[in-house]
C-alpha atoms as a PDB file:
ATOM      1  CA  MET A   1     339.720 -15.256 118.996  1.00  0.00           C
ATOM      2  CA  PRO A   2     341.892 -13.425 121.522  1.00  0.00           C
ATOM      3  CA  ASP A   3     342.422 -14.833 124.922  1.00  0.00           C
ATOM      4  CA  ALA A   4     340.896 -13.148 127.982  1.00  0.00           C
ATOM      5  CA  GLY A   5     340.669 -14.054 131.552  1.00  0.00           C
ATOM      6  CA  PHE A   6     341.197 -13.036 135.160  1.00  0.00           C
ATOM      7  CA  ALA A   7     344.110 -10.700 135.707  1.00  0.00           C
ATOM      8  CA  PRO A   8     346.893 -11.253 136.350  1.00  0.00           C
ATOM      9  CA  GLY A   9     347.960 -14.165 134.244  1.00  0.00           C
ATOM     10  CA  ALA A  10     344.788 -16.063 133.689  1.00  0.00           C
ATOM     11  CA  ARG A  11     343.936 -16.809 130.098  1.00  0.00           C
ATOM     12  CA  VAL A  12     340.520 -18.409 129.334  1.00  0.00           C
ATOM     13  CA  GLU A  13     338.158 -18.135 126.423  1.00  0.00           C
ATOM     14  CA  ALA A  14     334.612 -17.196 127.330  1.00  0.00           C
ATOM     15  CA  GLY A  15     332.399 -20.209 126.437  1.00  0.00           C
ATOM     16  CA  ASP A  16     335.309 -22.556 125.785  1.00  0.00           C
ATOM     17  CA  GLY A  17     334.354 -24.693 128.822  1.00  0.00           C
ATOM     18  CA  ALA A  18     337.672 -24.077 130.614  1.00  0.00           C
ATOM     19  CA  GLY A  19     337.096 -24.181 134.383  1.00  0.00           C
ATOM     20  CA  ALA A  20     333.565 -25.570 134.036  1.00  0.00           C
ATOM     21  CA  GLU A  21     334.470 -28.989 135.515  1.00  0.00           C
ATOM     22  CA  ASP A  22     336.313 -27.412 138.332  1.00  0.00           C
ATOM     23  CA  GLY A  23     333.424 -25.074 139.047  1.00  0.00           C
ATOM     24  CA  ARG A  24     330.827 -27.827 139.019  1.00  0.00           C
ATOM     25  CA  ARG A  25     332.577 -30.179 141.440  1.00  0.00           C
ATOM     26  CA  GLY A  26     334.484 -27.565 143.494  1.00  0.00           C
ATOM     27  CA  ARG A  27     338.229 -27.942 142.717  1.00  0.00           C
ATOM     28  CA  ALA A  28     340.034 -29.644 145.470  1.00  0.00           C
ATOM     29  CA  GLY A  29     341.083 -26.843 147.846  1.00  0.00           C
ATOM     30  CA  LEU A  30     338.696 -24.357 146.383  1.00  0.00           C
ATOM     31  CA  THR A  31     336.047 -23.113 148.835  1.00  0.00           C
ATOM     32  CA  ARG A  32     332.935 -21.880 146.945  1.00  0.00           C
ATOM     33  CA  PHE A  33     330.576 -19.492 148.689  1.00  0.00           C
ATOM     34  CA  ILE A  34     327.791 -17.007 148.305  1.00  0.00           C
ATOM     35  CA  LEU A  35     327.242 -13.846 150.222  1.00  0.00           C
ATOM     36  CA  LEU A  36     323.417 -13.944 150.881  1.00  0.00           C
ATOM     37  CA  ASN A  37     321.654 -10.848 152.076  1.00  0.00           C
ATOM     38  CA  ALA A  38     318.785  -8.346 151.804  1.00  0.00           C
ATOM     39  CA  ALA A  39     319.469  -4.973 150.242  1.00  0.00           C
ATOM     40  CA  ARG A  40     321.294  -2.355 152.282  1.00  0.00           C
ATOM     41  CA  THR A  41     322.869  -4.648 154.795  1.00  0.00           C
ATOM     42  CA  GLY A  42     326.485  -3.773 154.174  1.00  0.00           C
ATOM     43  CA  SER A  43     327.099  -6.416 151.524  1.00  0.00           C
ATOM     44  CA  SER A  44     329.287  -4.156 149.206  1.00  0.00           C
ATOM     45  CA  MET A  45     331.361  -3.306 152.245  1.00  0.00           C
ATOM     46  CA  LEU A  46     331.877  -6.975 153.212  1.00  0.00           C
ATOM     47  CA  ALA A  47     332.383  -8.114 149.525  1.00  0.00           C
ATOM     48  CA  THR A  48     335.082  -5.551 148.919  1.00  0.00           C
ATOM     49  CA  LYS A  49     336.787  -6.407 152.239  1.00  0.00           C
ATOM     50  CA  LEU A  50     336.835 -10.108 151.389  1.00  0.00           C
ATOM     51  CA  ASP A  51     338.085  -9.400 147.888  1.00  0.00           C
ATOM     52  CA  SER A  52     341.059  -7.487 149.445  1.00  0.00           C
ATOM     53  CA  HIS A  53     342.280 -10.804 150.868  1.00  0.00           C
ATOM     54  CA  PRO A  54     344.974 -12.275 148.650  1.00  0.00           C
ATOM     55  CA  ASP A  55     343.368 -15.708 148.751  1.00  0.00           C
ATOM     56  CA  ILE A  56     339.666 -14.753 148.279  1.00  0.00           C
ATOM     57  CA  ARG A  57     337.968 -13.720 145.036  1.00  0.00           C
ATOM     58  CA  CYS A  58     334.646 -12.143 146.036  1.00  0.00           C
ATOM     59  CA  HIS A  59     332.555 -10.959 143.050  1.00  0.00           C
ATOM     60  CA  GLY A  60     329.731  -8.542 143.174  1.00  0.00           C
ATOM     61  CA  GLU A  61     326.093  -9.071 142.075  1.00  0.00           C
ATOM     62  CA  VAL A  62     327.101 -10.955 138.956  1.00  0.00           C
ATOM     63  CA  LEU A  63     323.501 -12.075 138.323  1.00  0.00           C
ATOM     64  CA  GLY A  64     322.065  -8.566 138.881  1.00  0.00           C
ATOM     65  CA  PRO A  65     318.902  -7.485 137.153  1.00  0.00           C
ATOM     66  CA  GLY A  66     318.694  -5.987 133.701  1.00  0.00           C
ATOM     67  CA  PRO A  67     321.145  -6.132 130.795  1.00  0.00           C
ATOM     68  CA  GLY A  68     323.843  -4.397 132.912  1.00  0.00           C
ATOM     69  CA  LYS A  69     327.440  -4.976 132.428  1.00  0.00           C
ATOM     70  CA  THR A  70     329.407  -7.638 134.380  1.00  0.00           C
ATOM     71  CA  GLY A  71     332.639  -5.576 134.399  1.00  0.00           C
ATOM     72  CA  ASP A  72     332.146  -3.997 137.778  1.00  0.00           C
ATOM     73  CA  ARG A  73     330.611  -7.207 139.218  1.00  0.00           C
ATOM     74  CA  LEU A  74     333.018  -9.854 138.077  1.00  0.00           C
ATOM     75  CA  VAL A  75     336.188  -8.673 139.711  1.00  0.00           C
ATOM     76  CA  GLY A  76     339.684  -9.221 138.408  1.00  0.00           C
ATOM     77  CA  LEU A  77     338.596  -9.733 134.749  1.00  0.00           C
ATOM     78  CA  ASN A  78     340.988  -8.588 132.063  1.00  0.00           C
ATOM     79  CA  TYR A  79     339.078  -7.187 128.987  1.00  0.00           C
ATOM     80  CA  GLY A  80     342.150  -5.735 127.424  1.00  0.00           C
ATOM     81  CA  THR A  81     342.748  -8.411 124.797  1.00  0.00           C
ATOM     82  CA  ASP A  82     339.181  -9.059 123.861  1.00  0.00           C
ATOM     83  CA  PRO A  83     336.679  -6.234 123.469  1.00  0.00           C
ATOM     84  CA  THR A  84     333.803  -8.719 122.859  1.00  0.00           C
ATOM     85  CA  LEU A  85     334.297 -10.499 126.158  1.00  0.00           C
ATOM     86  CA  GLU A  86     331.812  -8.415 128.172  1.00  0.00           C
ATOM     87  CA  ARG A  87     329.092  -8.833 125.623  1.00  0.00           C
ATOM     88  CA  ARG A  88     329.653 -12.565 125.534  1.00  0.00           C
ATOM     89  CA  LEU A  89     329.698 -12.922 129.265  1.00  0.00           C
ATOM     90  CA  VAL A  90     326.430 -11.038 129.522  1.00  0.00           C
ATOM     91  CA  ALA A  91     324.951 -13.314 126.844  1.00  0.00           C
ATOM     92  CA  LEU A  92     326.191 -16.406 128.721  1.00  0.00           C
ATOM     93  CA  ARG A  93     324.910 -15.033 132.052  1.00  0.00           C
ATOM     94  CA  ASP A  94     321.436 -14.442 130.673  1.00  0.00           C
ATOM     95  CA  SER A  95     321.120 -17.709 128.599  1.00  0.00           C
ATOM     96  CA  ASP A  96     322.782 -20.066 131.002  1.00  0.00           C
ATOM     97  CA  PRO A  97     323.484 -18.572 134.511  1.00  0.00           C
ATOM     98  CA  VAL A  98     324.471 -21.877 136.029  1.00  0.00           C
ATOM     99  CA  ARG A  99     327.179 -22.408 133.429  1.00  0.00           C
ATOM    100  CA  PHE A 100     328.240 -18.745 133.892  1.00  0.00           C
ATOM    101  CA  LEU A 101     328.661 -19.364 137.600  1.00  0.00           C
ATOM    102  CA  SER A 102     330.553 -22.532 137.047  1.00  0.00           C
ATOM    103  CA  GLU A 103     332.911 -21.275 134.379  1.00  0.00           C
ATOM    104  CA  TRP A 104     333.482 -17.691 135.549  1.00  0.00           C
ATOM    105  CA  VAL A 105     332.625 -17.180 139.174  1.00  0.00           C
ATOM    106  CA  TYR A 106     333.731 -20.475 140.592  1.00  0.00           C
ATOM    107  CA  ARG A 107     336.886 -20.634 138.593  1.00  0.00           C
ATOM    108  CA  GLY A 108     339.583 -22.937 139.839  1.00  0.00           C
ATOM    109  CA  ASP A 109     342.475 -20.474 139.375  1.00  0.00           C
ATOM    110  CA  THR A 110     341.365 -17.595 141.488  1.00  0.00           C
ATOM    111  CA  GLY A 111     342.653 -18.367 144.951  1.00  0.00           C
ATOM    112  CA  ALA A 112     341.586 -20.546 147.875  1.00  0.00           C
ATOM    113  CA  ALA A 113     337.964 -19.251 148.019  1.00  0.00           C
ATOM    114  CA  ALA A 114     335.667 -17.838 145.340  1.00  0.00           C
ATOM    115  CA  GLY A 115     332.123 -16.518 145.647  1.00  0.00           C
ATOM    116  CA  PHE A 116     329.616 -13.782 144.789  1.00  0.00           C
ATOM    117  CA  LYS A 117     326.892 -11.838 146.531  1.00  0.00           C
ATOM    118  CA  ILE A 118     323.225 -12.281 145.798  1.00  0.00           C
ATOM    119  CA  LYS A 119     320.116 -10.743 147.421  1.00  0.00           C
ATOM    120  CA  TYR A 120     316.938 -12.367 148.709  1.00  0.00           C
ATOM    121  CA  GLU A 121     315.013 -10.259 146.194  1.00  0.00           C
ATOM    122  CA  GLU A 122     316.721 -11.901 143.248  1.00  0.00           C
ATOM    123  CA  LEU A 123     316.509 -15.489 144.444  1.00  0.00           C
ATOM    124  CA  LEU A 124     312.800 -15.122 144.949  1.00  0.00           C
ATOM    125  CA  LYS A 125     312.166 -14.203 141.353  1.00  0.00           C
ATOM    126  CA  PRO A 126     310.847 -16.947 139.020  1.00  0.00           C
ATOM    127  CA  ASP A 127     313.722 -16.326 136.571  1.00  0.00           C
ATOM    128  CA  PHE A 128     316.137 -17.444 139.385  1.00  0.00           C
ATOM    129  CA  GLU A 129     314.400 -20.723 140.082  1.00  0.00           C
ATOM    130  CA  ARG A 130     317.106 -22.728 138.323  1.00  0.00           C
ATOM    131  CA  VAL A 131     319.933 -20.805 139.946  1.00  0.00           C
ATOM    132  CA  LEU A 132     318.392 -21.227 143.383  1.00  0.00           C
ATOM    133  CA  GLY A 133     317.911 -24.941 142.871  1.00  0.00           C
ATOM    134  CA  TRP A 134     321.508 -25.338 141.710  1.00  0.00           C
ATOM    135  CA  LEU A 135     322.878 -23.462 144.683  1.00  0.00           C
ATOM    136  CA  VAL A 136     320.808 -25.458 147.138  1.00  0.00           C
ATOM    137  CA  ALA A 137     321.736 -28.759 145.470  1.00  0.00           C
ATOM    138  CA  GLU A 138     325.491 -27.841 145.632  1.00  0.00           C
ATOM    139  CA  GLU A 139     325.740 -28.344 149.404  1.00  0.00           C
ATOM    140  CA  SER A 140     329.466 -27.795 149.397  1.00  0.00           C
ATOM    141  CA  ILE A 141     328.862 -24.143 148.628  1.00  0.00           C
ATOM    142  CA  ARG A 142     329.216 -22.263 151.843  1.00  0.00           C
ATOM    143  CA  VAL A 143     326.820 -19.451 152.760  1.00  0.00           C
ATOM    144  CA  ILE A 144     327.776 -16.153 154.452  1.00  0.00           C
ATOM    145  CA  HIS A 145     324.277 -15.004 155.608  1.00  0.00           C
ATOM    146  CA  LEU A 146     324.454 -11.301 156.282  1.00  0.00           C
ATOM    147  CA  VAL A 147     321.683  -9.358 157.931  1.00  0.00           C
ATOM    148  CA  ARG A 148     321.274  -6.006 159.552  1.00  0.00           C
ATOM    149  CA  ARG A 149     319.947  -6.262 163.063  1.00  0.00           C
ATOM    150  CA  ASN A 150     318.541  -2.784 163.102  1.00  0.00           C
ATOM    151  CA  LEU A 151     315.854  -3.163 160.408  1.00  0.00           C
ATOM    152  CA  LEU A 152     314.818   0.496 160.630  1.00  0.00           C
ATOM    153  CA  LYS A 153     318.337   1.603 159.600  1.00  0.00           C
ATOM    154  CA  ARG A 154     318.207  -0.985 156.741  1.00  0.00           C
ATOM    155  CA  LEU A 155     314.850   0.522 155.587  1.00  0.00           C
ATOM    156  CA  VAL A 156     316.134   4.084 155.856  1.00  0.00           C
ATOM    157  CA  SER A 157     319.243   3.142 153.857  1.00  0.00           C
ATOM    158  CA  GLU A 158     317.148   1.605 151.098  1.00  0.00           C
ATOM    159  CA  ILE A 159     314.822   4.675 150.989  1.00  0.00           C
ATOM    160  CA  THR A 160     317.707   7.201 150.896  1.00  0.00           C
ATOM    161  CA  ALA A 161     319.680   5.270 148.250  1.00  0.00           C
ATOM    162  CA  THR A 162     316.623   4.715 145.932  1.00  0.00           C
ATOM    163  CA  ARG A 163     314.538   7.946 146.436  1.00  0.00           C
ATOM    164  CA  PHE A 164     317.116  10.646 147.319  1.00  0.00           C
ATOM    165  CA  TYR A 165     320.742   9.681 146.501  1.00  0.00           C
ATOM    166  CA  GLY A 166     320.383   7.763 143.325  1.00  0.00           C
ATOM    167  CA  ALA A 167     323.463   5.762 144.409  1.00  0.00           C
ATOM    168  CA  TYR A 168     324.058   2.709 146.422  1.00  0.00           C
ATOM    169  CA  GLN A 169     327.613   3.358 147.610  1.00  0.00           C
ATOM    170  CA  ILE A 170     330.298   6.022 147.481  1.00  0.00           C
ATOM    171  CA  ARG A 171     334.057   5.779 147.683  1.00  0.00           C
ATOM    172  CA  ASP A 172     335.000   9.479 147.966  1.00  0.00           C
ATOM    173  CA  ALA A 173     334.159  11.665 150.911  1.00  0.00           C
ATOM    174  CA  SER A 174     333.645  14.639 148.493  1.00  0.00           C
ATOM    175  CA  LYS A 175     330.742  12.754 146.946  1.00  0.00           C
ATOM    176  CA  GLN A 176     328.796  12.478 150.289  1.00  0.00           C
ATOM    177  CA  PRO A 177     325.242  13.512 149.487  1.00  0.00           C
ATOM    178  CA  PRO A 178     323.268  16.015 151.689  1.00  0.00           C
ATOM    179  CA  VAL A 179     321.190  14.335 154.392  1.00  0.00           C
ATOM    180  CA  PRO A 180     317.499  14.249 153.375  1.00  0.00           C
ATOM    181  CA  ARG A 181     314.372  14.769 155.551  1.00  0.00           C
ATOM    182  CA  PHE A 182     311.350  12.655 155.034  1.00  0.00           C
ATOM    183  CA  ARG A 183     308.441  10.918 156.824  1.00  0.00           C
ATOM    184  CA  LEU A 184     307.874   7.241 157.435  1.00  0.00           C
ATOM    185  CA  SER A 185     304.463   5.668 158.152  1.00  0.00           C
ATOM    186  CA  VAL A 186     303.988   3.183 160.935  1.00  0.00           C
ATOM    187  CA  GLU A 187     302.425   0.840 158.420  1.00  0.00           C
ATOM    188  CA  GLU A 188     305.448   1.045 156.014  1.00  0.00           C
ATOM    189  CA  CYS A 189     307.885   0.338 158.869  1.00  0.00           C
ATOM    190  CA  ARG A 190     305.918  -2.555 160.283  1.00  0.00           C
ATOM    191  CA  ALA A 191     305.406  -4.163 156.845  1.00  0.00           C
ATOM    192  CA  ASP A 192     309.036  -3.951 156.014  1.00  0.00           C
ATOM    193  CA  PHE A 193     310.189  -5.197 159.409  1.00  0.00           C
ATOM    194  CA  ASP A 194     307.914  -8.212 159.095  1.00  0.00           C
ATOM    195  CA  LYS A 195     308.947  -8.931 155.503  1.00  0.00           C
ATOM    196  CA  GLN A 196     312.633  -8.843 156.335  1.00  0.00           C
ATOM    197  CA  GLU A 197     312.262 -11.159 159.377  1.00  0.00           C
ATOM    198  CA  ARG A 198     310.254 -13.671 157.241  1.00  0.00           C
ATOM    199  CA  ARG A 199     312.868 -13.737 154.498  1.00  0.00           C
ATOM    200  CA  GLN A 200     315.724 -14.232 156.961  1.00  0.00           C
ATOM    201  CA  ARG A 201     313.925 -17.200 158.396  1.00  0.00           C
ATOM    202  CA  ARG A 202     312.977 -18.540 154.943  1.00  0.00           C
ATOM    203  CA  PHE A 203     316.492 -18.538 153.510  1.00  0.00           C
ATOM    204  CA  GLY A 204     317.821 -19.969 156.762  1.00  0.00           C
ATOM    205  CA  ARG A 205     315.620 -23.031 156.062  1.00  0.00           C
ATOM    206  CA  ILE A 206     316.410 -23.061 152.317  1.00  0.00           C
ATOM    207  CA  PHE A 207     320.174 -23.324 152.937  1.00  0.00           C
ATOM    208  CA  GLY A 208     319.754 -25.400 156.064  1.00  0.00           C
ATOM    209  CA  ASP A 209     321.934 -28.278 154.752  1.00  0.00           C
ATOM    210  CA  HIS A 210     324.878 -25.957 153.895  1.00  0.00           C
ATOM    211  CA  GLU A 211     327.634 -24.691 156.108  1.00  0.00           C
ATOM    212  CA  VAL A 212     326.393 -21.236 157.082  1.00  0.00           C
ATOM    213  CA  PHE A 213     328.096 -18.325 158.733  1.00  0.00           C
ATOM    214  CA  ASP A 214     325.531 -16.024 160.264  1.00  0.00           C
ATOM    215  CA  THR A 215     326.630 -12.408 160.722  1.00  0.00           C
ATOM    216  CA  SER A 216     325.365  -8.855 160.832  1.00  0.00           C
ATOM    217  CA  TYR A 217     326.418  -5.443 159.638  1.00  0.00           C
ATOM    218  CA  GLU A 218     326.692  -4.362 163.379  1.00  0.00           C
ATOM    219  CA  ASP A 219     329.103  -7.266 164.049  1.00  0.00           C
ATOM    220  CA  LEU A 220     331.212  -6.410 161.066  1.00  0.00           C
ATOM    221  CA  VAL A 221     331.715  -2.744 161.970  1.00  0.00           C
ATOM    222  CA  ASP A 222     332.287  -3.410 165.682  1.00  0.00           C
ATOM    223  CA  PRO A 223     336.016  -2.729 166.155  1.00  0.00           C
ATOM    224  CA  ALA A 224     336.010  -4.822 169.306  1.00  0.00           C
ATOM    225  CA  GLY A 225     334.282  -7.844 167.627  1.00  0.00           C
ATOM    226  CA  GLY A 226     335.899 -10.708 165.771  1.00  0.00           C
ATOM    227  CA  ALA A 227     333.351 -11.136 162.970  1.00  0.00           C
ATOM    228  CA  LEU A 228     335.806 -10.198 160.257  1.00  0.00           C
ATOM    229  CA  HIS A 229     338.376 -12.728 161.587  1.00  0.00           C
ATOM    230  CA  ASP A 230     335.772 -15.394 161.936  1.00  0.00           C
ATOM    231  CA  VAL A 231     334.355 -14.994 158.369  1.00  0.00           C
ATOM    232  CA  GLN A 232     337.875 -15.439 156.968  1.00  0.00           C
ATOM    233  CA  ALA A 233     338.377 -18.553 159.080  1.00  0.00           C
ATOM    234  CA  PHE A 234     334.892 -19.764 157.786  1.00  0.00           C
ATOM    235  CA  LEU A 235     336.221 -19.552 154.231  1.00  0.00           C
ATOM    236  CA  GLY A 236     339.389 -21.481 155.222  1.00  0.00           C
ATOM    237  CA  VAL A 237     341.961 -18.739 154.737  1.00  0.00           C
ATOM    238  CA  GLU A 238     344.487 -17.187 157.000  1.00  0.00           C
ATOM    239  CA  PRO A 239     342.861 -14.058 158.554  1.00  0.00           C
ATOM    240  CA  VAL A 240     344.469 -10.723 157.606  1.00  0.00           C
ATOM    241  CA  GLU A 241     343.435  -7.151 157.917  1.00  0.00           C
ATOM    242  CA  LEU A 242     340.814  -6.460 155.315  1.00  0.00           C
ATOM    243  CA  ARG A 243     340.293  -3.195 153.452  1.00  0.00           C
ATOM    244  CA  THR A 244     337.389  -1.419 151.736  1.00  0.00           C
ATOM    245  CA  ALA A 245     336.992   1.890 149.926  1.00  0.00           C
ATOM    246  CA  THR A 246     333.249   2.139 150.492  1.00  0.00           C
ATOM    247  CA  ARG A 247     331.963   4.840 152.775  1.00  0.00           C
ATOM    248  CA  LYS A 248     328.989   5.046 155.072  1.00  0.00           C
ATOM    249  CA  MET A 249     326.288   7.337 153.467  1.00  0.00           C
ATOM    250  CA  ASN A 250     323.756   7.886 156.286  1.00  0.00           C
ATOM    251  CA  PRO A 251     324.321   9.347 159.802  1.00  0.00           C
ATOM    252  CA  ASP A 252     323.897   7.104 162.740  1.00  0.00           C
ATOM    253  CA  GLU A 253     321.313   9.368 164.332  1.00  0.00           C
ATOM    254  CA  LEU A 254     318.064   8.706 162.413  1.00  0.00           C
ATOM    255  CA  ARG A 255     316.222  11.585 164.161  1.00  0.00           C
ATOM    256  CA  VAL A 256     317.975  14.071 161.845  1.00  0.00           C
ATOM    257  CA  MET A 257     316.480  12.293 158.875  1.00  0.00           C
ATOM    258  CA  ILE A 258     312.975  11.037 159.909  1.00  0.00           C
ATOM    259  CA  GLU A 259     310.635  13.991 160.453  1.00  0.00           C
ATOM    260  CA  ASN A 260     308.117  11.929 162.537  1.00  0.00           C
ATOM    261  CA  TYR A 261     310.700   9.978 164.468  1.00  0.00           C
ATOM    262  CA  ASP A 262     309.029  10.591 167.808  1.00  0.00           C
ATOM    263  CA  GLU A 263     305.703   9.362 166.359  1.00  0.00           C
ATOM    264  CA  LEU A 264     307.324   6.120 165.279  1.00  0.00           C
ATOM    265  CA  VAL A 265     309.044   5.718 168.683  1.00  0.00           C
ATOM    266  CA  ALA A 266     305.579   5.914 170.425  1.00  0.00           C
ATOM    267  CA  ALA A 267     303.958   3.542 167.956  1.00  0.00           C
ATOM    268  CA  PHE A 268     306.568   0.856 168.430  1.00  0.00           C
ATOM    269  CA  GLU A 269     307.019   1.201 172.132  1.00  0.00           C
ATOM    270  CA  ASP A 270     306.484  -2.119 173.930  1.00  0.00           C
ATOM    271  CA  THR A 271     306.817  -4.080 170.689  1.00  0.00           C
ATOM    272  CA  PRO A 272     309.743  -6.319 169.569  1.00  0.00           C
ATOM    273  CA  TYR A 273     310.762  -3.496 167.186  1.00  0.00           C
ATOM    274  CA  ALA A 274     311.299  -0.838 169.948  1.00  0.00           C
ATOM    275  CA  ALA A 275     315.045  -1.624 170.017  1.00  0.00           C
ATOM    276  CA  TYR A 276     315.415  -0.252 166.517  1.00  0.00           C
ATOM    277  CA  PHE A 277     314.719   3.202 167.886  1.00  0.00           C
ATOM    278  CA  ALA A 278     317.233   3.008 170.773  1.00  0.00           C
ATOM    279  CA  GLY A 279     320.108   4.636 168.795  1.00  0.00           C
ATOM    280  CA  SER A 280     321.922   1.391 168.201  1.00  0.00           C
ATOM    281  CA  ARG A 281     324.544   1.484 165.604  1.00  0.00           C
END
């Protein structure tokens, strides 16, 4: 069987057990981490920025739903010498996700830090019970807990991506979709705000015994802030300027998108959620 592995230079057979022991115990010097978040909180932006660091390997949603491929989620993998590798990795991921994480995500030859992103929504599914249990038990795995402080903008981003754009990210300005117009009910907003806050608290408790770096989309995009420097330090690497090709899809001003914006402003006035309508970034 041809060799295959992480480019450049790595050569490992899928399923041959190479790297599994390093992944389970956390090779000396290797910082294992997860990027934990709700949908539409800037995780793709942060993951690609982290992966631009020469000493960090940040994979995408390698445990994502459905039979989807791992190729665009497991970064740096070289399929050139083995056309069956993708199929075998999907089979391993689906049959034994913990082994998949140990052998392929937390590889011992991919830099000083290795991790992947995973959403609340996935970890709450019954099928992910074993994965969640393993991640919690492996207390040396560090957690980057990413939220979006403005939960209205998070909700709008999810709605536009799923109902209008049919895409979750773009990398080319020429692919920028037209801005949609739609209505949001007070009930839909309140239910989503409450759900997101509950999940943030719940996962804060679940990973309470881990080293956790709490950050937000707003902090990461603030040019005057130091969140990007701090998250690199949290992973134990020398901070450098990070890069990403992902582009923002929605305008900052939500009034141009939400037809009943003023109605929502009035409904949430004098509530803890009023700040979401104050035009914050």
